[in-house]
N, C-alpha and C. Protein backbone atom coordinates (compact mmCIF):
# COMPACT_ATOMS: atom_id res chain seq x y z
N GLU A 1 109.65 129.86 155.02
CA GLU A 1 108.34 129.43 154.40
C GLU A 1 108.22 129.68 153.39
N VAL A 2 107.57 128.55 151.98
CA VAL A 2 108.16 128.80 150.71
C VAL A 2 106.58 129.18 150.36
N GLN A 3 106.06 130.64 149.72
CA GLN A 3 105.04 131.06 148.88
C GLN A 3 105.00 131.00 148.08
N LEU A 4 103.95 130.61 147.00
CA LEU A 4 103.85 131.44 145.58
C LEU A 4 102.57 131.74 145.68
N GLN A 5 102.32 133.10 145.32
CA GLN A 5 101.02 133.76 145.08
C GLN A 5 100.53 134.05 144.03
N ALA A 6 99.16 133.35 143.07
CA ALA A 6 98.92 134.31 141.89
C ALA A 6 98.13 134.99 142.26
N PHE A 7 98.00 135.70 141.05
CA PHE A 7 97.01 137.05 141.25
C PHE A 7 96.59 137.53 139.58
N GLY A 8 95.71 137.73 139.78
CA GLY A 8 95.35 138.16 138.40
C GLY A 8 94.17 137.26 137.43
N GLY A 9 94.14 136.42 137.83
CA GLY A 9 92.55 135.89 136.93
C GLY A 9 91.26 136.84 137.08
N GLY A 10 90.20 136.27 136.55
CA GLY A 10 88.69 136.92 136.23
C GLY A 10 88.25 136.57 134.87
N LEU A 11 87.31 137.50 135.16
CA LEU A 11 86.24 136.69 133.88
C LEU A 11 86.89 137.92 132.79
N VAL A 12 86.83 137.59 131.59
CA VAL A 12 86.97 138.13 130.31
C VAL A 12 86.15 137.57 129.14
N GLN A 13 85.89 138.44 128.29
CA GLN A 13 85.25 138.27 126.77
C GLN A 13 86.08 137.49 125.70
N ALA A 14 86.03 136.80 125.35
CA ALA A 14 86.95 136.35 123.91
C ALA A 14 87.54 137.22 122.99
N GLY A 15 88.55 136.94 123.17
CA GLY A 15 89.53 138.19 122.25
C GLY A 15 90.04 139.19 123.47
N GLY A 16 89.67 138.98 124.51
CA GLY A 16 90.57 139.74 125.70
C GLY A 16 91.56 139.63 126.21
N SER A 17 91.94 140.53 127.05
CA SER A 17 93.56 139.94 127.48
C SER A 17 93.32 139.86 129.17
N LEU A 18 94.55 139.10 129.73
CA LEU A 18 94.51 139.39 131.23
C LEU A 18 96.10 138.99 131.61
N ARG A 19 96.35 139.70 132.71
CA ARG A 19 97.79 139.59 132.90
C ARG A 19 97.87 138.68 134.23
N LEU A 20 98.61 137.52 134.60
CA LEU A 20 98.76 136.96 135.55
C LEU A 20 100.31 137.29 136.34
N SER A 21 100.51 137.54 137.83
CA SER A 21 101.46 137.56 138.06
C SER A 21 101.12 136.51 139.21
N CYS A 22 102.41 136.08 139.67
CA CYS A 22 102.86 135.03 140.88
C CYS A 22 103.91 135.67 141.67
N ALA A 23 103.86 135.92 142.87
CA ALA A 23 104.86 136.42 143.57
C ALA A 23 105.54 135.62 144.39
N ALA A 24 106.86 135.13 144.58
CA ALA A 24 107.58 134.14 145.36
C ALA A 24 108.02 134.68 146.42
N SER A 25 108.33 133.74 147.71
CA SER A 25 109.00 134.03 148.86
C SER A 25 109.52 132.89 149.39
N GLY A 26 110.62 132.78 150.23
CA GLY A 26 111.31 131.82 150.96
C GLY A 26 111.74 130.35 150.16
N PHE A 27 112.51 131.08 148.85
CA PHE A 27 113.71 130.38 148.48
C PHE A 27 114.22 131.07 147.13
N THR A 28 115.79 130.77 146.90
CA THR A 28 116.22 131.58 146.13
C THR A 28 115.81 131.75 144.17
N PHE A 29 114.87 132.58 144.52
CA PHE A 29 113.79 132.79 143.12
C PHE A 29 115.19 132.63 141.83
N ASP A 30 116.04 133.35 141.83
CA ASP A 30 117.02 133.23 140.99
C ASP A 30 117.66 131.82 140.07
N ASP A 31 117.60 130.89 141.02
CA ASP A 31 117.80 129.38 141.01
C ASP A 31 117.00 128.85 140.24
N TYR A 32 115.56 128.86 140.19
CA TYR A 32 114.72 128.16 139.97
C TYR A 32 114.02 128.45 138.56
N ALA A 33 113.74 127.79 137.96
CA ALA A 33 112.95 127.73 136.42
C ALA A 33 111.24 127.95 136.84
N LEU A 34 110.89 128.84 136.13
CA LEU A 34 109.23 128.90 136.86
C LEU A 34 108.50 128.84 135.57
N ALA A 35 107.32 128.18 135.95
CA ALA A 35 106.23 127.68 134.84
C ALA A 35 105.25 128.11 135.51
N TRP A 36 103.74 127.74 134.35
CA TRP A 36 102.40 127.98 134.39
C TRP A 36 101.98 126.95 134.06
N PHE A 37 100.91 126.61 134.81
CA PHE A 37 100.32 125.34 134.42
C PHE A 37 98.45 125.98 134.66
N ARG A 38 97.89 124.89 134.16
CA ARG A 38 96.20 125.18 134.25
C ARG A 38 95.68 124.00 134.44
N GLN A 39 94.03 123.67 134.60
CA GLN A 39 93.60 122.62 134.74
C GLN A 39 92.17 123.70 134.63
N ALA A 40 91.48 122.82 133.16
CA ALA A 40 89.99 123.40 133.05
C ALA A 40 89.43 122.16 133.68
N PRO A 41 87.95 122.75 133.78
CA PRO A 41 87.05 121.76 134.48
C PRO A 41 87.02 120.50 133.98
N GLY A 42 86.80 119.47 134.40
CA GLY A 42 86.71 118.08 134.33
C GLY A 42 88.32 117.50 133.66
N LYS A 43 89.10 118.32 133.36
CA LYS A 43 90.46 117.77 132.74
C LYS A 43 91.74 117.85 133.85
N GLY A 44 92.86 116.85 133.14
CA GLY A 44 93.83 116.88 134.46
C GLY A 44 94.74 118.82 133.78
N ARG A 45 95.72 118.21 134.81
CA ARG A 45 96.70 119.93 135.21
C ARG A 45 97.25 119.61 133.47
N GLU A 46 97.45 120.67 133.02
CA GLU A 46 98.37 120.58 131.75
C GLU A 46 99.60 121.78 132.10
N GLY A 47 100.55 121.62 131.81
CA GLY A 47 101.94 122.76 131.24
C GLY A 47 101.46 124.00 130.12
N VAL A 48 101.31 125.23 130.66
CA VAL A 48 101.31 126.05 129.38
C VAL A 48 102.42 126.90 129.05
N SER A 49 103.33 127.10 129.98
CA SER A 49 104.61 127.73 129.53
C SER A 49 105.67 127.91 130.90
N CYS A 50 106.50 127.96 130.68
CA CYS A 50 108.01 127.87 131.44
C CYS A 50 109.14 128.80 130.99
N ILE A 51 109.61 129.24 132.42
CA ILE A 51 110.81 130.36 131.84
C ILE A 51 112.46 129.85 132.37
N SER A 52 113.32 130.11 131.88
CA SER A 52 114.78 128.75 132.39
C SER A 52 114.90 130.14 132.96
N ALA A 53 115.99 129.44 134.20
CA ALA A 53 116.42 130.05 135.54
C ALA A 53 117.51 131.66 135.15
N ARG A 54 118.40 130.92 134.56
CA ARG A 54 119.35 131.79 133.93
C ARG A 54 119.34 132.37 132.67
N ASP A 55 119.01 132.23 131.69
CA ASP A 55 118.83 132.74 130.35
C ASP A 55 117.37 132.99 129.93
N GLY A 56 116.65 132.58 130.49
CA GLY A 56 115.41 133.53 129.98
C GLY A 56 114.79 132.68 128.84
N ARG A 57 115.16 131.40 128.89
CA ARG A 57 114.71 130.78 127.32
C ARG A 57 113.37 130.47 128.02
N THR A 58 112.34 130.35 126.85
CA THR A 58 110.74 130.28 127.00
C THR A 58 110.51 128.80 126.30
N TYR A 59 109.40 128.35 126.82
CA TYR A 59 108.58 127.36 126.30
C TYR A 59 107.06 127.72 126.32
N TYR A 60 106.19 127.24 125.50
CA TYR A 60 105.01 127.40 125.38
C TYR A 60 104.40 126.10 124.82
N THR A 61 103.24 125.69 125.23
CA THR A 61 102.23 124.72 124.74
C THR A 61 101.60 125.23 123.27
N ASP A 62 101.44 124.66 122.11
CA ASP A 62 101.01 124.84 121.04
C ASP A 62 99.91 125.75 121.02
N SER A 63 98.96 125.43 121.65
CA SER A 63 97.50 125.92 121.71
C SER A 63 97.69 127.49 122.25
N VAL A 64 98.86 127.80 122.84
CA VAL A 64 99.30 129.07 123.30
C VAL A 64 99.92 130.21 123.03
N LYS A 65 100.80 129.17 122.20
CA LYS A 65 101.94 130.25 120.98
C LYS A 65 101.36 131.29 120.42
N GLY A 66 102.14 132.56 120.43
CA GLY A 66 101.76 133.77 119.65
C GLY A 66 100.70 134.20 120.63
N ARG A 67 100.13 134.18 121.33
CA ARG A 67 99.07 134.73 122.22
C ARG A 67 99.48 134.53 123.82
N PHE A 68 100.44 133.83 124.23
CA PHE A 68 101.13 134.24 125.81
C PHE A 68 102.31 134.36 125.64
N THR A 69 102.66 135.23 126.76
CA THR A 69 104.17 135.22 126.98
C THR A 69 104.23 135.08 128.20
N ILE A 70 105.44 134.52 128.63
CA ILE A 70 105.94 134.32 130.12
C ILE A 70 107.05 135.27 130.20
N SER A 71 107.23 136.05 131.40
CA SER A 71 108.51 136.67 132.12
C SER A 71 108.72 136.39 133.66
N ARG A 72 109.89 137.31 133.52
CA ARG A 72 110.22 136.96 135.45
C ARG A 72 110.72 138.23 135.37
N ASP A 73 110.70 138.87 136.26
CA ASP A 73 111.00 139.68 137.26
C ASP A 73 112.27 139.41 138.58
N ASN A 74 113.51 138.87 138.32
CA ASN A 74 113.57 138.42 139.74
C ASN A 74 114.33 139.38 140.58
N ALA A 75 114.52 140.68 140.13
CA ALA A 75 114.62 141.68 141.39
C ALA A 75 113.40 141.61 142.46
N LYS A 76 111.95 141.20 142.21
CA LYS A 76 110.68 141.19 142.67
C LYS A 76 110.40 140.02 143.04
N ASN A 77 111.15 138.99 142.16
CA ASN A 77 110.62 137.92 142.71
C ASN A 77 109.16 137.33 142.23
N THR A 78 108.97 137.79 141.15
CA THR A 78 107.80 137.77 140.60
C THR A 78 107.90 136.83 138.97
N VAL A 79 106.92 136.12 138.64
CA VAL A 79 106.60 135.92 137.18
C VAL A 79 105.38 135.96 136.90
N PHE A 80 105.17 136.56 135.58
CA PHE A 80 104.21 136.70 134.64
C PHE A 80 103.84 135.93 133.72
N LEU A 81 102.56 136.10 133.31
CA LEU A 81 101.88 135.23 132.14
C LEU A 81 100.99 136.38 131.57
N GLN A 82 101.40 136.94 130.42
CA GLN A 82 100.49 137.98 129.75
C GLN A 82 99.51 136.88 128.64
N MET A 83 98.50 137.02 128.77
CA MET A 83 97.49 136.25 127.82
C MET A 83 96.97 137.45 127.05
N ASN A 84 96.87 137.13 125.81
CA ASN A 84 96.48 137.71 124.90
C ASN A 84 95.28 137.05 124.03
N ASP A 85 94.36 137.81 122.96
CA ASP A 85 93.49 136.73 122.36
C ASP A 85 93.19 135.97 123.17
N LEU A 86 92.28 135.71 124.09
CA LEU A 86 92.08 134.94 125.01
C LEU A 86 90.88 134.02 124.56
N LYS A 87 90.76 132.94 124.70
CA LYS A 87 89.09 131.72 124.12
C LYS A 87 88.68 131.25 125.07
N PRO A 88 87.79 130.84 124.94
CA PRO A 88 86.86 129.98 125.96
C PRO A 88 87.66 129.15 126.29
N GLU A 89 88.14 128.12 125.71
CA GLU A 89 88.81 127.02 125.79
C GLU A 89 89.80 127.21 126.65
N ASP A 90 90.29 128.71 126.66
CA ASP A 90 91.43 129.01 127.79
C ASP A 90 90.98 129.11 129.18
N THR A 91 89.63 128.68 129.82
CA THR A 91 89.22 129.01 130.87
C THR A 91 89.71 127.88 131.60
N ALA A 92 90.23 128.45 132.91
CA ALA A 92 91.07 127.12 134.03
C ALA A 92 91.41 127.67 135.01
N VAL A 93 91.73 127.14 135.86
CA VAL A 93 92.61 127.34 137.09
C VAL A 93 93.84 127.53 136.56
N TYR A 94 94.38 128.66 136.88
CA TYR A 94 96.02 128.50 136.47
C TYR A 94 96.97 128.73 137.64
N TYR A 95 97.94 128.18 138.02
CA TYR A 95 98.37 127.59 138.90
C TYR A 95 100.12 128.06 138.16
N CYS A 96 100.75 128.62 139.25
CA CYS A 96 102.42 128.99 139.15
C CYS A 96 102.91 127.75 139.76
N ASN A 97 104.55 127.83 139.51
CA ASN A 97 105.35 126.39 139.85
C ASN A 97 106.68 127.15 139.70
N ALA A 98 107.20 126.86 140.80
CA ALA A 98 108.60 126.67 140.58
C ALA A 98 109.97 125.46 140.86
N PHE A 99 110.83 125.22 139.95
CA PHE A 99 111.16 123.90 140.19
C PHE A 99 112.76 123.87 139.97
N ALA A 100 113.23 123.65 140.59
CA ALA A 100 115.23 123.29 140.84
C ALA A 100 114.94 121.77 141.35
N GLU A 101 116.12 121.99 142.41
CA GLU A 101 116.14 120.69 143.33
C GLU A 101 114.84 120.11 143.75
N ARG A 102 113.81 121.29 144.21
CA ARG A 102 112.72 121.00 144.94
C ARG A 102 111.46 121.58 143.62
N VAL A 103 110.39 121.44 144.02
CA VAL A 103 109.30 121.80 142.90
C VAL A 103 108.35 122.57 144.24
N TYR A 104 107.90 123.69 143.75
CA TYR A 104 106.81 124.41 144.53
C TYR A 104 106.11 124.68 143.61
N TRP A 105 104.60 124.73 144.41
CA TRP A 105 103.11 124.91 143.84
C TRP A 105 102.80 126.44 144.34
N GLY A 106 102.29 127.11 143.74
CA GLY A 106 101.36 128.25 144.45
C GLY A 106 99.77 127.78 144.05
N GLN A 107 99.00 128.62 144.70
CA GLN A 107 97.46 128.16 144.64
C GLN A 107 97.43 128.82 143.28
N GLY A 108 95.92 128.78 142.53
CA GLY A 108 95.47 128.72 141.53
C GLY A 108 94.59 130.17 141.62
N THR A 109 94.89 130.53 140.33
CA THR A 109 93.87 131.58 140.30
C THR A 109 92.88 131.20 138.66
N LEU A 110 91.52 131.59 139.30
CA LEU A 110 90.55 131.06 138.09
C LEU A 110 90.51 131.95 136.85
N VAL A 111 90.67 131.41 135.29
CA VAL A 111 90.83 132.83 134.48
C VAL A 111 89.26 131.87 133.87
N THR A 112 88.53 133.03 133.17
CA THR A 112 87.06 132.16 132.68
C THR A 112 87.20 133.40 131.57
N VAL A 113 86.98 132.67 130.51
CA VAL A 113 86.59 133.15 129.24
C VAL A 113 85.53 133.36 128.71
N SER A 114 84.28 134.39 128.45
CA SER A 114 83.39 134.02 127.89
C SER A 114 83.14 134.10 126.34
N SER A 115 82.50 133.18 125.90
CA SER A 115 81.99 133.06 124.10
C SER A 115 81.27 134.63 123.79
C-alpha cells in the first residue's frame, strides 16, 4: 500500500519558520520526483516546489524563491520543505506528491501564518 504522510504544519507568526516532512512507503522512493503543492482557502491547488529523482535538481514557484528549500533523504524515504520568512499568503493546506510513471498524493497538513 502506497502511503505519503505529511507532518509539521501548524500556526506561526509572520516571519517565522516551519519544516514540513513527508514520509513515504509502498513504492521505490529513489525513482520518483517529489513535490509540494498547496491549496489556500477558496483557491486552486498550486505547485510550490519539486526535486528530481536522481540529480537533486530543484524548482520553486516565484513566490517562495529564497524562502523555501526542498530536500530529500532517500535513506529515510522522506521529503522535506523548510519554510522561512513565512507570510500570511503562505497560509494553505500543503500536500506532498510523488510522480514518475504513477502519481501519488499524501494527505495535507495545514499551515497558518498570522500577521
